[in-house]
Amino acid sequence: MQQLAKLRWQCRRGTKELDFLLLRYLDSGYMLADDEEKALFVELLALEDDHLISTLLGDLDVMIAAMKILVEKIRAQ
């Protein structure tokens, strides 16, 4: 549970769009994800805000197939 609280804190970015997308995925998709997807989510949270928002809103193309699937899941939630 402590890791989930840490992730929730990392999802709070101060931008409505990022907060909404990240927290929605954390609440509804993260617990159902396999270990690989959970690791990718942590990797995604390590991105700088400007890069993260560009990635999640579709301005930047994601090259790694597994990350692309995760980004699409986050957008679709």
N, C-alpha and C. Protein backbone atom coordinates (compact mmCIF):
# COMPACT_ATOMS: atom_id res chain seq x y z
N MET A 1 0.81 -1.20 0.00
CA MET A 1 0.00 0.00 0.00
C MET A 1 0.85 1.26 0.00
N GLN A 2 2.02 1.18 0.63
CA GLN A 2 2.87 2.36 0.68
C GLN A 2 3.32 2.76 -0.73
N GLN A 3 3.59 1.78 -1.58
CA GLN A 3 3.99 2.10 -2.95
C GLN A 3 2.85 2.77 -3.71
N LEU A 4 1.62 2.34 -3.47
CA LEU A 4 0.48 2.95 -4.13
C LEU A 4 0.34 4.41 -3.71
N ALA A 5 0.56 4.70 -2.45
CA ALA A 5 0.51 6.09 -1.97
C ALA A 5 1.62 6.91 -2.61
N LYS A 6 2.78 6.33 -2.78
CA LYS A 6 3.90 7.02 -3.43
C LYS A 6 3.56 7.31 -4.89
N LEU A 7 2.98 6.33 -5.57
CA LEU A 7 2.59 6.53 -6.96
C LEU A 7 1.51 7.60 -7.08
N ARG A 8 0.56 7.60 -6.16
CA ARG A 8 -0.50 8.62 -6.17
C ARG A 8 0.12 10.01 -6.05
N TRP A 9 1.11 10.14 -5.19
CA TRP A 9 1.79 11.42 -5.02
C TRP A 9 2.52 11.81 -6.32
N GLN A 10 3.16 10.84 -6.98
CA GLN A 10 3.88 11.11 -8.23
C GLN A 10 2.93 11.45 -9.37
N CYS A 11 1.69 11.00 -9.30
CA CYS A 11 0.70 11.30 -10.33
C CYS A 11 0.19 12.73 -10.24
N ARG A 12 0.35 13.34 -9.10
CA ARG A 12 -0.12 14.71 -8.91
C ARG A 12 0.94 15.66 -9.46
N ARG A 13 0.70 16.15 -10.66
CA ARG A 13 1.70 16.94 -11.37
C ARG A 13 1.39 18.44 -11.38
N GLY A 14 0.20 18.84 -10.96
CA GLY A 14 -0.12 20.25 -10.93
C GLY A 14 -0.74 20.74 -12.23
N THR A 15 -0.94 19.85 -13.15
CA THR A 15 -1.61 20.16 -14.40
C THR A 15 -2.88 19.32 -14.44
N LYS A 16 -4.02 19.96 -14.64
CA LYS A 16 -5.28 19.24 -14.58
C LYS A 16 -5.30 18.03 -15.50
N GLU A 17 -4.80 18.22 -16.71
CA GLU A 17 -4.84 17.13 -17.69
C GLU A 17 -4.01 15.94 -17.23
N LEU A 18 -2.80 16.21 -16.76
CA LEU A 18 -1.93 15.13 -16.29
C LEU A 18 -2.50 14.47 -15.05
N ASP A 19 -2.92 15.28 -14.10
CA ASP A 19 -3.49 14.72 -12.87
C ASP A 19 -4.67 13.81 -13.20
N PHE A 20 -5.55 14.27 -14.06
CA PHE A 20 -6.74 13.50 -14.40
C PHE A 20 -6.37 12.18 -15.06
N LEU A 21 -5.53 12.22 -16.07
CA LEU A 21 -5.16 11.01 -16.80
C LEU A 21 -4.41 10.01 -15.92
N LEU A 22 -3.43 10.51 -15.19
CA LEU A 22 -2.59 9.61 -14.39
C LEU A 22 -3.35 9.01 -13.21
N LEU A 23 -4.09 9.84 -12.50
CA LEU A 23 -4.83 9.33 -11.34
C LEU A 23 -5.96 8.39 -11.76
N ARG A 24 -6.58 8.69 -12.89
CA ARG A 24 -7.65 7.81 -13.37
C ARG A 24 -7.09 6.43 -13.70
N TYR A 25 -5.91 6.40 -14.37
CA TYR A 25 -5.29 5.10 -14.66
C TYR A 25 -4.87 4.41 -13.36
N LEU A 26 -4.28 5.14 -12.44
CA LEU A 26 -3.85 4.54 -11.18
C LEU A 26 -5.03 3.91 -10.45
N ASP A 27 -6.17 4.58 -10.44
CA ASP A 27 -7.35 4.09 -9.73
C ASP A 27 -8.04 2.93 -10.44
N SER A 28 -7.99 2.91 -11.75
CA SER A 28 -8.78 1.90 -12.45
C SER A 28 -7.98 0.86 -13.22
N GLY A 29 -6.75 1.15 -13.60
CA GLY A 29 -6.01 0.22 -14.42
C GLY A 29 -4.75 -0.36 -13.80
N TYR A 30 -4.14 0.39 -12.92
CA TYR A 30 -2.85 -0.02 -12.38
C TYR A 30 -2.93 -1.34 -11.61
N MET A 31 -3.93 -1.50 -10.78
CA MET A 31 -4.04 -2.70 -9.96
C MET A 31 -4.28 -3.95 -10.79
N LEU A 32 -4.84 -3.79 -11.98
CA LEU A 32 -5.10 -4.92 -12.87
C LEU A 32 -3.92 -5.22 -13.79
N ALA A 33 -2.94 -4.32 -13.81
CA ALA A 33 -1.80 -4.45 -14.73
C ALA A 33 -0.84 -5.53 -14.27
N ASP A 34 -0.12 -6.10 -15.24
CA ASP A 34 0.93 -7.06 -14.89
C ASP A 34 2.19 -6.30 -14.45
N ASP A 35 3.18 -7.01 -14.01
CA ASP A 35 4.40 -6.37 -13.47
C ASP A 35 5.11 -5.52 -14.51
N GLU A 36 5.11 -5.97 -15.77
CA GLU A 36 5.77 -5.20 -16.84
C GLU A 36 5.08 -3.86 -17.05
N GLU A 37 3.75 -3.87 -17.08
CA GLU A 37 3.01 -2.64 -17.28
C GLU A 37 3.18 -1.70 -16.09
N LYS A 38 3.20 -2.26 -14.88
CA LYS A 38 3.42 -1.43 -13.70
C LYS A 38 4.79 -0.77 -13.75
N ALA A 39 5.80 -1.49 -14.19
CA ALA A 39 7.14 -0.93 -14.33
C ALA A 39 7.17 0.17 -15.38
N LEU A 40 6.45 -0.02 -16.47
CA LEU A 40 6.37 1.01 -17.51
C LEU A 40 5.68 2.27 -16.99
N PHE A 41 4.66 2.08 -16.16
CA PHE A 41 3.97 3.23 -15.59
C PHE A 41 4.91 4.04 -14.70
N VAL A 42 5.71 3.36 -13.90
CA VAL A 42 6.69 4.03 -13.05
C VAL A 42 7.70 4.77 -13.92
N GLU A 43 8.11 4.15 -15.00
CA GLU A 43 9.04 4.79 -15.94
C GLU A 43 8.40 6.03 -16.56
N LEU A 44 7.13 5.94 -16.91
CA LEU A 44 6.41 7.07 -17.48
C LEU A 44 6.35 8.22 -16.48
N LEU A 45 6.13 7.90 -15.21
CA LEU A 45 6.05 8.94 -14.18
C LEU A 45 7.39 9.65 -13.97
N ALA A 46 8.48 9.04 -14.40
CA ALA A 46 9.80 9.65 -14.25
C ALA A 46 10.06 10.74 -15.29
N LEU A 47 9.21 10.83 -16.30
CA LEU A 47 9.40 11.84 -17.34
C LEU A 47 9.12 13.24 -16.79
N GLU A 48 9.78 14.21 -17.38
CA GLU A 48 9.50 15.61 -17.05
C GLU A 48 8.07 15.93 -17.50
N ASP A 49 7.44 16.88 -16.83
CA ASP A 49 6.04 17.19 -17.10
C ASP A 49 5.78 17.55 -18.56
N ASP A 50 6.63 18.37 -19.17
CA ASP A 50 6.38 18.78 -20.55
C ASP A 50 6.47 17.58 -21.51
N HIS A 51 7.40 16.69 -21.27
CA HIS A 51 7.53 15.49 -22.10
C HIS A 51 6.36 14.53 -21.84
N LEU A 52 5.96 14.42 -20.58
CA LEU A 52 4.87 13.53 -20.21
C LEU A 52 3.55 13.99 -20.83
N ILE A 53 3.26 15.27 -20.74
CA ILE A 53 2.00 15.76 -21.31
C ILE A 53 2.00 15.63 -22.83
N SER A 54 3.15 15.85 -23.46
CA SER A 54 3.23 15.68 -24.90
C SER A 54 3.03 14.22 -25.29
N THR A 55 3.54 13.33 -24.49
CA THR A 55 3.39 11.90 -24.75
C THR A 55 1.94 11.46 -24.57
N LEU A 56 1.32 11.87 -23.48
CA LEU A 56 -0.04 11.42 -23.19
C LEU A 56 -1.09 12.08 -24.06
N LEU A 57 -0.83 13.29 -24.52
CA LEU A 57 -1.81 13.97 -25.36
C LEU A 57 -1.57 13.74 -26.85
N GLY A 58 -0.56 12.96 -27.18
CA GLY A 58 -0.36 12.55 -28.56
C GLY A 58 0.54 13.42 -29.40
N ASP A 59 1.20 14.40 -28.80
CA ASP A 59 2.10 15.26 -29.57
C ASP A 59 3.42 14.56 -29.88
N LEU A 60 3.84 13.64 -29.04
CA LEU A 60 5.06 12.87 -29.26
C LEU A 60 4.69 11.42 -29.54
N ASP A 61 5.35 10.83 -30.52
CA ASP A 61 5.11 9.44 -30.85
C ASP A 61 5.99 8.57 -29.95
N VAL A 62 5.41 7.55 -29.38
CA VAL A 62 6.13 6.63 -28.51
C VAL A 62 6.70 5.51 -29.37
N MET A 63 8.00 5.25 -29.20
CA MET A 63 8.67 4.28 -30.05
C MET A 63 8.62 2.86 -29.50
N ILE A 64 8.57 2.71 -28.19
CA ILE A 64 8.56 1.38 -27.57
C ILE A 64 7.13 0.86 -27.59
N ALA A 65 6.95 -0.32 -28.19
CA ALA A 65 5.61 -0.87 -28.39
C ALA A 65 4.83 -1.02 -27.08
N ALA A 66 5.46 -1.57 -26.06
CA ALA A 66 4.76 -1.78 -24.78
C ALA A 66 4.37 -0.44 -24.14
N MET A 67 5.23 0.56 -24.27
CA MET A 67 4.90 1.88 -23.72
C MET A 67 3.76 2.51 -24.51
N LYS A 68 3.75 2.29 -25.81
CA LYS A 68 2.68 2.82 -26.66
C LYS A 68 1.33 2.22 -26.22
N ILE A 69 1.31 0.94 -25.92
CA ILE A 69 0.08 0.28 -25.46
C ILE A 69 -0.37 0.89 -24.14
N LEU A 70 0.57 1.12 -23.23
CA LEU A 70 0.23 1.73 -21.94
C LEU A 70 -0.33 3.13 -22.13
N VAL A 71 0.31 3.93 -22.96
CA VAL A 71 -0.17 5.30 -23.21
C VAL A 71 -1.58 5.26 -23.78
N GLU A 72 -1.85 4.35 -24.68
CA GLU A 72 -3.20 4.22 -25.24
C GLU A 72 -4.21 3.82 -24.16
N LYS A 73 -3.80 2.94 -23.25
CA LYS A 73 -4.68 2.55 -22.13
C LYS A 73 -4.99 3.75 -21.25
N ILE A 74 -3.97 4.52 -20.95
CA ILE A 74 -4.16 5.70 -20.09
C ILE A 74 -5.11 6.69 -20.77
N ARG A 75 -4.95 6.90 -22.05
CA ARG A 75 -5.83 7.81 -22.78
C ARG A 75 -7.26 7.31 -22.81
N ALA A 76 -7.44 5.99 -22.94
CA ALA A 76 -8.77 5.40 -23.11
C ALA A 76 -9.55 5.25 -21.81
N GLN A 77 -8.88 5.27 -20.68
CA GLN A 77 -9.56 5.03 -19.39
C GLN A 77 -10.59 6.09 -19.11
